Amino acid sequence: MSLLALQDLGIGWPDGPRVLDGLTLSVVHGERVGLVGPNGAGKSTLFQTLAATLPARAGQIHFDGAPVQAGRFSPNLAMVFQNADDQLFCPTLAEDVAYGARNLGLPAPEVAARTDQALDACELTGLEDRPVHKLSGGEKRRACIAGALVMRPALMLLDEPSAALDLRQRRNLIDLLRGLPQAMIVASHDMEFLLDLCPRVLLIDDGRLCADGPARDILGDAALMARHGQEVPASLAAR
């Protein structure tokens, strides 16, 4: 059974036009899927709808076999924001990472254990007492991921996770995400990042899903990419 299933999904903000329509696709457990498209194509709006913070305008969303209802939080789906400073708000790293588990009402020992595990998975052990505003850009990104992992979600939505990272931080992030068991949908303009991380890519534009398939086939199709304002990653263009 699919972890996430969309059927004829229509999305958009209230009192505005639909951003995407007729979106039908599925994601299975553990799958890593890239999401590409020009600015304004609806990537972030889709994430808001999948995370149940924005009601769907049409169609259905099923997560792990159950319909997704707007406004109903599920710890099984976690979103990592494009701007880490929009997500980190507690005084220290440990407090911020623990927030999700604590908000689930878990016993203190379980919160502590999950926090330690998430920090270790994201290579942040030893920084527990550091103020979040004193973390580096790469540390902030990993802190956001740790804050998602502490809830042990089945699916993670990552919005431009490699933005503003240097090459070393970017490589560390790819290695981190590759090692996680969660399914993930990764929205990014960094085509090389997606090519390295995601075996499958979705391309959205003009209010619809334009392509869905193997990352190398879609990202390497120069005509397709050009039609939708995208560029073939250099590693494929050079072949």
Protein backbone atom coordinates (compact mmCIF):
# COMPACT_ATOMS: atom_id res chain seq x y z
CA MET A 1 0.00 0.00 0.00
CA SER A 2 1.19 3.52 -0.80
CA LEU A 3 2.25 5.73 2.08
CA LEU A 4 0.93 8.86 0.34
CA ALA A 5 -1.73 8.83 -2.38
CA LEU A 6 -3.12 11.89 -4.18
CA GLN A 7 -6.17 11.59 -6.41
CA ASP A 8 -7.23 14.47 -8.69
CA LEU A 9 -5.88 16.91 -6.10
CA GLY A 10 -6.50 20.62 -6.60
CA ILE A 11 -4.66 23.14 -4.43
CA GLY A 12 -4.58 26.91 -4.00
CA TRP A 13 -4.99 29.64 -1.44
CA PRO A 14 -8.51 30.75 -0.44
CA ASP A 15 -10.08 33.36 -2.74
CA GLY A 16 -7.32 32.80 -5.31
CA PRO A 17 -6.98 30.65 -8.43
CA ARG A 18 -5.96 27.05 -8.17
CA VAL A 19 -2.21 26.61 -8.25
CA LEU A 20 -2.26 22.92 -9.18
CA ASP A 21 -5.10 20.77 -10.46
CA GLY A 22 -5.72 17.13 -11.27
CA LEU A 23 -2.65 15.96 -9.35
CA THR A 24 -2.60 12.16 -9.09
CA LEU A 25 0.43 10.29 -7.75
CA SER A 26 1.64 8.06 -4.94
CA VAL A 27 4.73 7.71 -2.78
CA VAL A 28 5.72 4.44 -1.12
CA HIS A 29 7.43 3.86 2.21
CA GLY A 30 11.08 4.89 2.20
CA GLU A 31 10.96 6.49 -1.26
CA ARG A 32 12.95 9.68 -1.96
CA VAL A 33 11.23 11.91 -4.51
CA GLY A 34 12.49 15.21 -5.91
CA LEU A 35 10.06 18.01 -6.76
CA VAL A 36 11.06 20.59 -9.37
CA GLY A 37 9.38 23.44 -11.19
CA PRO A 38 9.73 27.19 -11.73
CA ASN A 39 9.07 29.72 -8.98
CA GLY A 40 5.34 30.00 -8.43
CA ALA A 41 4.60 26.51 -9.75
CA GLY A 42 3.13 25.49 -6.39
CA LYS A 43 5.82 23.46 -4.65
CA SER A 44 5.48 25.17 -1.27
CA THR A 45 1.69 25.36 -1.61
CA LEU A 46 1.60 21.61 -2.24
CA PHE A 47 3.67 21.04 0.88
CA GLN A 48 1.29 23.17 2.95
CA THR A 49 -1.63 21.11 1.65
CA LEU A 50 0.05 17.77 2.32
CA ALA A 51 0.92 18.95 5.84
CA ALA A 52 -2.79 19.73 6.38
CA THR A 53 -2.23 23.43 7.09
CA LEU A 54 -3.99 24.42 3.85
CA PRO A 55 -7.26 22.72 2.79
CA ALA A 56 -7.34 21.01 -0.59
CA ARG A 57 -9.57 22.70 -3.14
CA ALA A 58 -10.51 19.42 -4.83
CA GLY A 59 -9.66 15.74 -4.84
CA GLN A 60 -8.33 13.53 -2.08
CA ILE A 61 -5.19 12.96 -0.04
CA HIS A 62 -4.67 9.66 1.74
CA PHE A 63 -1.79 9.13 4.12
CA ASP A 64 -1.10 5.57 5.23
CA GLY A 65 -4.59 4.64 4.06
CA ALA A 66 -6.47 7.37 5.94
CA PRO A 67 -7.83 10.64 4.50
CA VAL A 68 -5.88 13.78 5.43
CA GLN A 69 -8.04 16.42 7.10
CA ALA A 70 -7.00 20.06 7.03
CA GLY A 71 -6.07 21.44 10.43
CA ARG A 72 -5.42 18.01 11.95
CA PHE A 73 -1.75 17.60 12.89
CA SER A 74 -0.10 14.22 12.30
CA PRO A 75 3.34 13.41 13.75
CA ASN A 76 3.77 10.87 10.94
CA LEU A 77 4.38 13.71 8.47
CA ALA A 78 6.96 16.40 9.15
CA MET A 79 7.91 19.45 7.12
CA VAL A 80 11.34 21.12 7.14
CA PHE A 81 11.08 24.79 6.15
CA GLN A 82 13.23 26.50 3.53
CA ASN A 83 14.38 29.12 6.04
CA ALA A 84 15.75 27.47 9.17
CA ASP A 85 15.15 30.64 11.21
CA ASP A 86 11.42 30.24 10.58
CA GLN A 87 11.54 26.85 12.28
CA LEU A 88 14.01 27.28 15.15
CA PHE A 89 12.57 29.29 18.03
CA CYS A 90 13.61 27.78 21.38
CA PRO A 91 16.55 29.19 23.38
CA THR A 92 18.83 26.15 22.98
CA LEU A 93 19.32 23.42 20.41
CA ALA A 94 18.22 20.62 22.74
CA GLU A 95 15.03 22.45 23.69
CA ASP A 96 14.21 23.08 20.05
CA VAL A 97 14.77 19.49 18.95
CA ALA A 98 12.77 18.18 21.92
CA TYR A 99 9.79 20.46 21.24
CA GLY A 100 7.92 18.13 18.89
CA ALA A 101 8.25 15.08 21.14
CA ARG A 102 7.29 17.11 24.20
CA ASN A 103 4.27 18.50 22.36
CA LEU A 104 3.11 14.92 21.73
CA GLY A 105 2.75 14.51 25.49
CA LEU A 106 5.41 11.81 25.76
CA PRO A 107 6.96 11.01 29.16
CA ALA A 108 10.11 12.97 29.95
CA PRO A 109 12.45 9.95 29.65
CA GLU A 110 11.06 9.19 26.18
CA VAL A 111 11.43 12.83 25.13
CA ALA A 112 15.05 12.81 26.31
CA ALA A 113 15.82 9.53 24.54
CA ARG A 114 14.29 10.68 21.27
CA THR A 115 16.10 14.01 21.47
CA ASP A 116 19.45 12.32 22.02
CA GLN A 117 18.81 9.94 19.11
CA ALA A 118 17.80 12.76 16.75
CA LEU A 119 20.82 14.86 17.71
CA ASP A 120 23.12 11.89 17.18
CA ALA A 121 21.56 11.06 13.79
CA CYS A 122 22.17 14.64 12.67
CA GLU A 123 25.69 14.80 14.13
CA LEU A 124 24.77 17.53 16.60
CA THR A 125 25.71 15.74 19.83
CA GLY A 126 27.73 18.06 22.06
CA LEU A 127 25.87 21.18 20.93
CA GLU A 128 22.79 20.62 23.10
CA ASP A 129 23.19 23.84 25.14
CA ARG A 130 24.18 26.09 22.26
CA PRO A 131 21.74 28.95 21.52
CA VAL A 132 20.07 28.28 18.17
CA HIS A 133 21.06 31.72 16.86
CA LYS A 134 24.73 30.77 17.31
CA LEU A 135 24.51 27.67 15.12
CA SER A 136 26.10 27.75 11.67
CA GLY A 137 23.93 27.52 8.57
CA GLY A 138 24.61 23.82 8.17
CA GLU A 139 23.99 23.18 11.88
CA LYS A 140 20.68 25.03 11.68
CA ARG A 141 19.60 22.91 8.73
CA ARG A 142 20.49 19.71 10.58
CA ALA A 143 18.75 21.04 13.70
CA CYS A 144 15.54 21.45 11.71
CA ILE A 145 15.83 17.88 10.47
CA ALA A 146 16.50 16.65 14.00
CA GLY A 147 13.37 18.49 15.16
CA ALA A 148 11.41 16.54 12.55
CA LEU A 149 13.06 13.20 13.31
CA VAL A 150 12.23 13.42 17.01
CA MET A 151 8.57 12.77 16.08
CA ARG A 152 9.62 9.68 14.09
CA PRO A 153 7.60 10.55 10.98
CA ALA A 154 7.05 8.19 8.07
CA LEU A 155 7.28 11.04 5.53
CA MET A 156 9.35 14.22 5.49
CA LEU A 157 8.73 17.23 3.26
CA LEU A 158 11.90 19.27 2.70
CA ASP A 159 11.68 22.70 1.07
CA GLU A 160 14.99 23.81 -0.55
CA PRO A 161 17.14 21.98 2.03
CA SER A 162 20.47 22.78 0.31
CA ALA A 163 19.85 26.53 0.03
CA ALA A 164 22.78 28.69 1.23
CA LEU A 165 24.95 25.70 2.18
CA ASP A 166 28.58 25.48 1.18
CA LEU A 167 29.86 22.40 -0.66
CA ARG A 168 30.94 20.54 2.49
CA GLN A 169 27.67 21.23 4.31
CA ARG A 170 25.73 20.25 1.19
CA ARG A 171 27.56 16.92 0.92
CA ASN A 172 27.02 16.23 4.62
CA LEU A 173 23.31 16.92 4.16
CA ILE A 174 23.07 14.51 1.22
CA ASP A 175 24.80 11.80 3.25
CA LEU A 176 22.50 12.45 6.21
CA LEU A 177 19.30 12.28 4.16
CA ARG A 178 20.46 9.19 2.28
CA GLY A 179 20.89 7.38 5.58
CA LEU A 180 17.39 8.08 6.90
CA PRO A 181 14.65 5.43 6.57
CA GLN A 182 11.85 7.96 6.09
CA ALA A 183 10.16 8.58 2.78
CA MET A 184 10.77 12.14 1.65
CA ILE A 185 9.67 14.65 -0.95
CA VAL A 186 12.40 17.22 -1.61
CA ALA A 187 11.57 20.49 -3.38
CA SER A 188 14.66 22.15 -4.80
CA HIS A 189 16.16 24.22 -7.62
CA ASP A 190 19.47 22.45 -6.96
CA MET A 191 19.26 19.81 -9.69
CA GLU A 192 22.58 18.19 -8.83
CA PHE A 193 21.43 17.81 -5.23
CA LEU A 194 18.25 16.06 -6.36
CA LEU A 195 20.11 13.92 -8.86
CA ASP A 196 22.42 12.74 -6.09
CA LEU A 197 19.66 12.10 -3.56
CA CYS A 198 16.39 11.21 -5.30
CA PRO A 199 15.90 8.32 -7.73
CA ARG A 200 12.53 9.78 -8.80
CA VAL A 201 11.56 13.32 -9.79
CA LEU A 202 8.24 15.15 -10.23
CA LEU A 203 8.08 18.21 -12.49
CA ILE A 204 5.20 20.65 -11.97
CA ASP A 205 4.34 23.71 -14.03
CA ASP A 206 1.34 25.45 -15.58
CA GLY A 207 -0.94 24.13 -12.86
CA ARG A 208 -0.28 20.44 -13.47
CA LEU A 209 2.09 17.53 -13.09
CA CYS A 210 4.14 17.58 -16.29
CA ALA A 211 6.49 14.66 -15.68
CA ASP A 212 6.99 11.86 -13.16
CA GLY A 213 9.78 9.32 -13.52
CA PRO A 214 13.42 8.42 -13.01
CA ALA A 215 15.48 11.47 -12.05
CA ARG A 216 18.09 10.96 -14.76
CA ASP A 217 15.45 10.66 -17.48
CA ILE A 218 13.57 13.81 -16.47
CA LEU A 219 16.45 16.03 -15.42
CA GLY A 220 18.44 14.96 -18.46
CA ASP A 221 15.69 15.75 -20.98
CA ALA A 222 16.89 19.12 -22.28
CA ALA A 223 13.73 19.86 -24.29
CA LEU A 224 11.43 19.04 -21.37
CA MET A 225 13.47 21.05 -18.90
CA ALA A 226 13.68 24.07 -21.22
CA ARG A 227 9.92 24.07 -21.80
CA HIS A 228 9.42 24.49 -18.08
CA GLY A 229 12.15 27.00 -17.33
CA GLN A 230 14.63 24.52 -15.92
CA GLU A 231 18.20 23.57 -16.80
CA VAL A 232 19.76 20.15 -17.19
CA PRO A 233 22.28 19.59 -14.37
CA ALA A 234 25.87 19.99 -15.54
CA SER A 235 26.76 16.38 -14.77
CA LEU A 236 24.13 15.20 -17.26
CA ALA A 237 24.62 17.96 -19.83
CA ALA A 238 28.30 17.06 -20.12
CA ARG A 239 27.58 13.48 -21.17
